Amino acid sequence: MNIQHPTSNSLPFQHPPRRSVLLDVQGLTVGFRNGRDDVIVVRDVSFRIREGETIALVGESGCGKSVTALSLARLLPEPPAFYPAGVVIFRGREVLQMSPAEMRVIRGGQIAYVFQDPGTALNPVLRIGFQLKEAIRAHRSRADARQEAIRLLSLVGLPDAEACMRAYPYELSGGMQQRVVIAIALACQPKLLVADEPTTALDVTIQAQILDLLKVLQAELGMAVLLITHNLGLVADVAHRVHVMYAGSLVESGDVEQVLAAPSHPYTKGLLDTVPRLEAQEGRMQGIEGAVPSPRELPPGCPFAPRCPQVEAQCRKTMPRMVASGKGHIVRCFCPLSEVT
């Protein structure tokens, strides 16, 4: 299946050399307490990220991607959030067991975030320079935070870094704001950059620029990247491995080439079918009928069963387990497409 990047001048895709595991998530389960009720929103999620690797976590809105990402640095307020099961091992240490003081070192300093709306991520009443220098001073002991801030703004491709330092967020375009947010995330030289829908609010040309920028910075700085997105088309030449998420659970995982060329789960195929193609004929774009169920109203069995064109009787009764669908490729489905076709 030929997935097109928004532009044709994107950087060539390269696999990183085999490196040690930076982040190991096993059986992560996340819930929220609402009065006397406990609502589980993420169930038994497992994946690994190696040093210098890019992993994509893909799914529709409401699938649990952002909750999973925020849990890696425990950015969810506790309570109401709680973790009834699972472990998050970052650089050999268990994040879910860390003290508040230990977490302050991890957040920003070793795991940094780029959020989807730079307009709300930046403080509108503070100049860009102040916000960037604040991040530098919080985790680094450099004497001249101003010069480091200018260097970072230049690193992310802003042409007049000194003028940008004096500007307020509203004086910058959306693309420039997103570059500032990336500069703030890089200020503490993180080992892992979590990019949560970093291009959603941008037009396709700026999307390609931001994704290319992340690839360049990753190559220069050697950091790992976790890309959160709903669009499989964007990860085609950016990520090394992809994890597809639905209703709080992973439904398919594998190398990007494998998953995009031969998706095994009907949900993954549905997401691929929604990606616009240049060679497509005129007519209505394809979509997935229905909506992601609420965590409070999950159907029995497979949560995708009510929307699945391949549904069988057992799908409505029993939750399938992850099974191998090829080397390094696993799927949560009773009748994967690789067996149907």
Protein backbone atom coordinates (compact mmCIF):
# COMPACT_ATOMS: atom_id res chain seq x y z
CA MET A 1 0.00 0.00 0.00
CA ASN A 2 1.47 3.34 -1.06
CA ILE A 3 1.15 5.95 1.67
CA GLN A 4 1.97 9.47 0.54
CA HIS A 5 3.70 12.03 2.74
CA PRO A 6 2.15 15.54 2.58
CA THR A 7 5.10 16.74 0.47
CA SER A 8 7.66 15.10 -1.78
CA ASN A 9 10.80 16.72 -0.36
CA SER A 10 10.84 14.89 2.98
CA LEU A 11 14.10 13.48 4.30
CA PRO A 12 15.04 9.87 3.51
CA PHE A 13 13.89 7.31 6.05
CA GLN A 14 16.65 5.45 7.89
CA HIS A 15 16.58 2.72 10.52
CA PRO A 16 18.76 3.46 13.56
CA PRO A 17 21.50 1.05 14.59
CA ARG A 18 20.46 -1.49 17.21
CA ARG A 19 20.73 0.23 20.59
CA SER A 20 19.79 -0.44 24.20
CA VAL A 21 16.23 -0.11 25.47
CA LEU A 22 15.51 3.40 26.80
CA LEU A 23 11.87 2.93 27.82
CA ASP A 24 10.15 -0.37 28.61
CA VAL A 25 6.38 -0.24 29.19
CA GLN A 26 4.81 -3.54 30.25
CA GLY A 27 1.13 -4.09 31.00
CA LEU A 28 0.41 -0.41 31.69
CA THR A 29 -3.13 0.09 32.96
CA VAL A 30 -4.47 3.55 33.79
CA GLY A 31 -7.71 4.48 35.48
CA PHE A 32 -9.55 7.50 36.88
CA ARG A 33 -11.53 7.69 40.10
CA ASN A 34 -14.84 9.55 39.92
CA GLY A 35 -16.49 9.46 43.31
CA ARG A 36 -16.88 5.77 44.11
CA ASP A 37 -16.43 4.61 40.50
CA ASP A 38 -13.15 3.50 38.94
CA VAL A 39 -12.99 3.92 35.15
CA ILE A 40 -10.16 2.10 33.35
CA VAL A 41 -9.16 4.02 30.22
CA VAL A 42 -5.92 2.25 29.23
CA ARG A 43 -5.55 -1.53 29.48
CA ASP A 44 -2.46 -3.73 29.40
CA VAL A 45 -0.36 -1.59 27.05
CA SER A 46 3.17 -2.83 26.35
CA PHE A 47 5.90 -1.42 24.08
CA ARG A 48 9.59 -0.54 24.08
CA ILE A 49 11.57 2.40 22.76
CA ARG A 50 15.28 2.09 22.04
CA GLU A 51 17.79 4.93 22.10
CA GLY A 52 17.54 7.01 18.94
CA GLU A 53 14.38 5.23 17.77
CA THR A 54 11.08 6.72 16.64
CA ILE A 55 7.90 4.94 17.71
CA ALA A 56 4.42 5.96 16.55
CA LEU A 57 1.29 5.46 18.65
CA VAL A 58 -1.71 5.71 16.31
CA GLY A 59 -5.47 5.75 16.74
CA GLU A 60 -8.61 7.88 16.65
CA SER A 61 -9.38 10.51 19.27
CA GLY A 62 -10.50 8.86 22.49
CA CYS A 63 -8.40 5.70 22.03
CA GLY A 64 -6.11 6.43 25.00
CA LYS A 65 -2.99 7.62 23.15
CA SER A 66 -2.50 10.85 25.10
CA VAL A 67 -3.30 9.22 28.46
CA THR A 68 -0.64 6.61 27.71
CA ALA A 69 1.88 9.28 26.72
CA LEU A 70 1.21 11.45 29.79
CA SER A 71 1.55 8.42 32.05
CA LEU A 72 5.18 7.93 31.00
CA ALA A 73 6.18 10.94 33.11
CA ARG A 74 3.15 10.74 35.42
CA LEU A 75 1.78 14.06 34.26
CA LEU A 76 -1.79 13.00 35.05
CA PRO A 77 -2.99 14.35 38.43
CA GLU A 78 -2.98 11.63 41.11
CA PRO A 79 -5.80 11.41 42.13
CA PRO A 80 -7.99 11.07 40.12
CA ALA A 81 -5.52 9.07 37.99
CA PHE A 82 -4.17 5.78 39.32
CA TYR A 83 -2.17 2.84 37.99
CA PRO A 84 -3.66 -0.51 39.06
CA ALA A 85 -1.19 -2.58 37.00
CA GLY A 86 1.90 -2.40 34.86
CA VAL A 87 5.42 -1.00 34.99
CA VAL A 88 7.18 1.87 33.22
CA ILE A 89 10.95 1.38 33.23
CA PHE A 90 12.91 4.42 32.05
CA ARG A 91 16.69 4.04 31.89
CA GLY A 92 16.49 1.10 34.28
CA ARG A 93 14.27 2.81 36.90
CA GLU A 94 10.59 2.23 37.67
CA VAL A 95 8.78 5.52 37.02
CA LEU A 96 5.51 4.56 38.74
CA GLN A 97 7.38 4.03 42.03
CA MET A 98 9.36 7.28 42.00
CA SER A 99 8.92 10.00 44.61
CA PRO A 100 7.71 13.50 43.61
CA ALA A 101 11.28 14.82 43.91
CA GLU A 102 12.58 12.10 41.59
CA MET A 103 9.80 12.81 39.10
CA ARG A 104 10.75 16.48 38.93
CA VAL A 105 14.15 15.43 37.61
CA ILE A 106 12.59 13.16 34.97
CA ARG A 107 9.92 15.58 33.73
CA GLY A 108 11.41 17.95 31.19
CA GLY A 109 14.95 16.98 32.10
CA GLN A 110 14.85 13.48 30.58
CA ILE A 111 11.34 13.08 29.13
CA ALA A 112 10.07 16.19 27.33
CA TYR A 113 6.75 16.85 25.61
CA VAL A 114 5.59 18.72 22.51
CA PHE A 115 1.83 19.19 22.62
CA GLN A 116 -0.55 19.54 19.70
CA ASP A 117 -1.66 23.15 20.18
CA PRO A 118 1.28 25.52 20.65
CA GLY A 119 -1.14 28.39 21.17
CA THR A 120 -2.26 26.89 24.49
CA ALA A 121 1.13 25.36 25.41
CA LEU A 122 2.74 28.83 25.48
CA ASN A 123 1.86 31.48 28.07
CA PRO A 124 0.28 34.37 26.09
CA VAL A 125 1.40 37.12 28.50
CA LEU A 126 5.09 36.15 28.70
CA ARG A 127 7.73 36.80 26.06
CA ILE A 128 9.22 33.81 24.23
CA GLY A 129 12.66 34.47 25.68
CA PHE A 130 11.40 34.38 29.27
CA GLN A 131 9.60 31.07 28.75
CA LEU A 132 12.59 29.46 27.08
CA LYS A 133 15.11 30.68 29.67
CA GLU A 134 12.82 29.47 32.44
CA ALA A 135 12.97 25.93 31.03
CA ILE A 136 16.77 26.07 30.73
CA ARG A 137 17.29 27.28 34.30
CA ALA A 138 14.90 24.67 35.72
CA HIS A 139 17.07 21.71 34.72
CA ARG A 140 20.47 22.97 33.62
CA SER A 141 23.26 24.87 35.36
CA ARG A 142 24.33 27.01 32.42
CA ALA A 143 25.31 30.54 33.41
CA ASP A 144 24.13 32.27 30.24
CA ALA A 145 20.58 31.05 29.65
CA ARG A 146 19.99 33.82 27.11
CA GLN A 147 22.70 32.66 24.73
CA GLU A 148 21.52 29.07 25.05
CA ALA A 149 17.95 30.18 24.29
CA ILE A 150 19.11 31.97 21.14
CA ARG A 151 21.06 28.86 20.09
CA LEU A 152 17.99 26.65 20.54
CA LEU A 153 15.74 28.98 18.55
CA SER A 154 18.29 28.96 15.74
CA LEU A 155 18.54 25.17 16.00
CA VAL A 156 14.81 24.75 15.30
CA GLY A 157 15.03 26.96 12.23
CA LEU A 158 13.74 30.35 13.38
CA PRO A 159 15.52 32.97 11.22
CA ASP A 160 15.81 35.89 13.68
CA ALA A 161 16.25 34.28 17.09
CA GLU A 162 16.88 37.54 18.97
CA ALA A 163 13.69 39.13 17.61
CA CYS A 164 11.80 35.97 18.49
CA MET A 165 13.09 36.20 22.07
CA ARG A 166 11.39 39.60 22.43
CA ALA A 167 8.10 38.49 20.84
CA TYR A 168 4.90 37.35 22.51
CA PRO A 169 3.33 34.08 21.27
CA TYR A 170 0.46 35.85 19.46
CA GLU A 171 3.01 37.70 17.30
CA LEU A 172 4.22 34.42 15.77
CA SER A 173 2.60 32.14 13.20
CA GLY A 174 1.39 28.68 14.13
CA GLY A 175 4.45 27.05 12.58
CA MET A 176 6.80 29.41 14.43
CA GLN A 177 4.97 28.78 17.70
CA GLN A 178 5.39 25.03 17.23
CA ARG A 179 9.12 25.49 16.63
CA VAL A 180 9.33 27.49 19.87
CA VAL A 181 7.56 24.69 21.75
CA ILE A 182 10.07 22.20 20.31
CA ALA A 183 12.94 24.48 21.38
CA ILE A 184 11.55 24.59 24.94
CA ALA A 185 11.26 20.78 24.94
CA LEU A 186 14.89 20.48 23.79
CA ALA A 187 16.16 23.00 26.35
CA CYS A 188 16.91 20.28 28.88
CA GLN A 189 18.49 17.85 26.40
CA PRO A 190 15.94 15.07 26.93
CA LYS A 191 16.59 11.41 26.16
CA LEU A 192 12.97 10.95 25.03
CA LEU A 193 10.80 13.48 23.21
CA VAL A 194 7.05 12.78 23.26
CA ALA A 195 5.36 14.60 20.37
CA ASP A 196 1.60 14.50 20.95
CA GLU A 197 -0.15 15.38 17.66
CA PRO A 198 2.52 18.03 16.92
CA THR A 199 1.13 18.92 13.48
CA THR A 200 -2.65 18.79 13.99
CA ALA A 201 -3.25 22.55 13.93
CA LEU A 202 -0.90 23.21 11.00
CA ASP A 203 -1.36 23.16 7.22
CA VAL A 204 0.19 20.30 5.24
CA THR A 205 3.28 22.25 4.15
CA ILE A 206 4.14 23.23 7.72
CA GLN A 207 3.33 19.68 8.86
CA ALA A 208 6.05 18.32 6.59
CA GLN A 209 8.52 20.96 7.81
CA ILE A 210 7.88 20.12 11.47
CA LEU A 211 8.22 16.37 10.87
CA ASP A 212 11.45 16.89 8.92
CA LEU A 213 12.71 19.13 11.71
CA LEU A 214 12.06 16.41 14.29
CA LYS A 215 14.01 13.91 12.16
CA VAL A 216 16.96 16.30 11.81
CA LEU A 217 17.03 17.10 15.53
CA GLN A 218 16.76 13.43 16.42
CA ALA A 219 19.75 12.61 14.21
CA GLU A 220 21.80 15.49 15.65
CA LEU A 221 20.91 14.96 19.31
CA GLY A 222 20.48 11.18 19.39
CA MET A 223 17.18 11.29 21.29
CA ALA A 224 14.30 8.85 20.98
CA VAL A 225 10.89 10.09 19.80
CA LEU A 226 7.39 8.88 20.60
CA LEU A 227 5.02 10.33 18.00
CA ILE A 228 1.31 10.38 18.91
CA THR A 229 -1.00 10.78 15.92
CA HIS A 230 -4.32 9.72 14.41
CA ASN A 231 -2.93 9.72 10.87
CA LEU A 232 -1.04 6.66 9.66
CA GLY A 233 -0.03 8.57 6.55
CA LEU A 234 2.21 10.86 8.61
CA VAL A 235 4.24 8.03 10.12
CA ALA A 236 5.08 6.28 6.85
CA ASP A 237 8.56 7.83 6.51
CA VAL A 238 9.06 9.04 10.09
CA ALA A 239 8.70 6.09 12.47
CA HIS A 240 10.55 2.79 12.76
CA ARG A 241 7.78 0.91 14.57
CA VAL A 242 4.07 1.62 14.94
CA HIS A 243 1.57 0.65 17.63
CA VAL A 244 -2.12 0.95 16.74
CA MET A 245 -4.44 1.68 19.67
CA TYR A 246 -8.20 1.31 19.98
CA ALA A 247 -10.46 1.85 23.01
CA GLY A 248 -7.54 1.86 25.45
CA SER A 249 -5.78 -1.27 24.15
CA LEU A 250 -3.13 -2.01 21.56
CA VAL A 251 -4.59 -3.94 18.61
CA GLU A 252 -1.56 -4.18 16.31
CA SER A 253 2.19 -3.58 16.56
CA GLY A 254 5.08 -4.04 14.16
CA ASP A 255 7.64 -2.44 11.89
CA VAL A 256 6.13 0.42 9.91
CA GLU A 257 6.78 -1.26 6.57
CA GLN A 258 5.02 -4.45 7.70
CA VAL A 259 1.98 -2.78 9.18
CA LEU A 260 1.43 -0.35 6.31
CA ALA A 261 2.02 -2.90 3.57
CA ALA A 262 -0.02 -5.72 5.13
CA PRO A 263 -2.22 -4.60 8.05
CA SER A 264 -3.58 -7.53 10.04
CA HIS A 265 -6.26 -5.83 12.13
CA PRO A 266 -9.44 -4.51 10.43
CA TYR A 267 -9.12 -1.29 12.44
CA THR A 268 -5.62 -0.65 11.09
CA LYS A 269 -6.86 -1.24 7.55
CA GLY A 270 -9.73 1.15 8.22
CA LEU A 271 -7.30 3.86 9.30
CA LEU A 272 -5.19 3.29 6.19
CA ASP A 273 -8.24 3.52 3.96
CA THR A 274 -8.98 7.01 5.32
CA VAL A 275 -5.62 8.36 4.14
CA PRO A 276 -6.13 10.49 0.99
CA ARG A 277 -4.30 9.22 -2.10
CA LEU A 278 -3.21 11.20 -5.13
CA GLU A 279 -4.28 8.39 -7.49
CA ALA A 280 -7.75 8.04 -5.97
CA GLN A 281 -10.77 8.55 -8.24
CA GLU A 282 -13.42 11.16 -7.55
CA GLY A 283 -16.00 10.21 -4.97
CA ARG A 284 -16.67 10.05 -1.28
CA MET A 285 -13.66 9.41 0.98
CA GLN A 286 -13.72 6.19 2.95
CA GLY A 287 -14.19 6.19 6.70
CA ILE A 288 -14.85 3.85 9.61
CA GLU A 289 -18.53 3.63 10.51
CA GLY A 290 -19.45 4.37 14.12
CA ALA A 291 -17.33 5.86 16.91
CA VAL A 292 -14.89 4.79 19.60
CA PRO A 293 -16.89 3.53 22.60
CA SER A 294 -16.71 5.28 25.96
CA PRO A 295 -14.53 3.51 28.57
CA ARG A 296 -17.71 3.21 30.67
CA GLU A 297 -19.63 1.50 27.87
CA LEU A 298 -17.22 -0.99 26.33
CA PRO A 299 -19.04 -3.86 24.62
CA PRO A 300 -18.33 -7.45 25.69
CA GLY A 301 -15.59 -9.16 23.74
CA CYS A 302 -13.56 -7.16 21.24
CA PRO A 303 -14.34 -3.42 21.57
CA PHE A 304 -14.03 -3.00 17.79
CA ALA A 305 -16.64 -5.71 17.07
CA PRO A 306 -19.60 -3.29 16.61
CA ARG A 307 -17.68 -1.46 13.83
CA CYS A 308 -15.77 -4.39 12.32
CA PRO A 309 -16.64 -5.68 8.81
CA GLN A 310 -14.98 -9.04 9.66
CA VAL A 311 -16.85 -9.61 12.95
CA GLU A 312 -17.71 -13.16 13.99
CA ALA A 313 -19.74 -14.55 16.88
CA GLN A 314 -16.72 -15.13 19.16
CA CYS A 315 -15.61 -11.51 18.66
CA ARG A 316 -18.72 -10.32 20.51
CA LYS A 317 -18.09 -12.60 23.50
CA THR A 318 -14.34 -12.81 24.18
CA MET A 319 -11.52 -10.28 24.13
CA PRO A 320 -8.81 -11.64 21.79
CA ARG A 321 -5.18 -11.83 22.87
CA MET A 322 -2.16 -10.50 21.03
CA VAL A 323 -0.86 -13.17 18.63
CA ALA A 324 2.02 -13.25 16.15
CA SER A 325 1.21 -12.23 12.59
CA GLY A 326 4.75 -12.39 11.27
CA LYS A 327 8.25 -11.69 12.51
CA GLY A 328 8.00 -8.84 15.01
CA HIS A 329 4.38 -8.23 14.00
CA ILE A 330 1.56 -8.95 16.48
CA VAL A 331 -2.20 -8.43 16.31
CA ARG A 332 -5.17 -8.65 18.69
CA CYS A 333 -7.76 -10.35 16.48
CA PHE A 334 -9.49 -13.74 16.12
CA CYS A 335 -9.52 -13.52 12.33
CA PRO A 336 -6.60 -11.29 11.22
CA LEU A 337 -6.70 -10.07 7.65
CA SER A 338 -3.50 -11.95 6.80
CA GLU A 339 -5.47 -15.18 7.30
CA VAL A 340 -8.65 -13.97 5.62
CA THR A 341 -7.06 -12.78 2.36
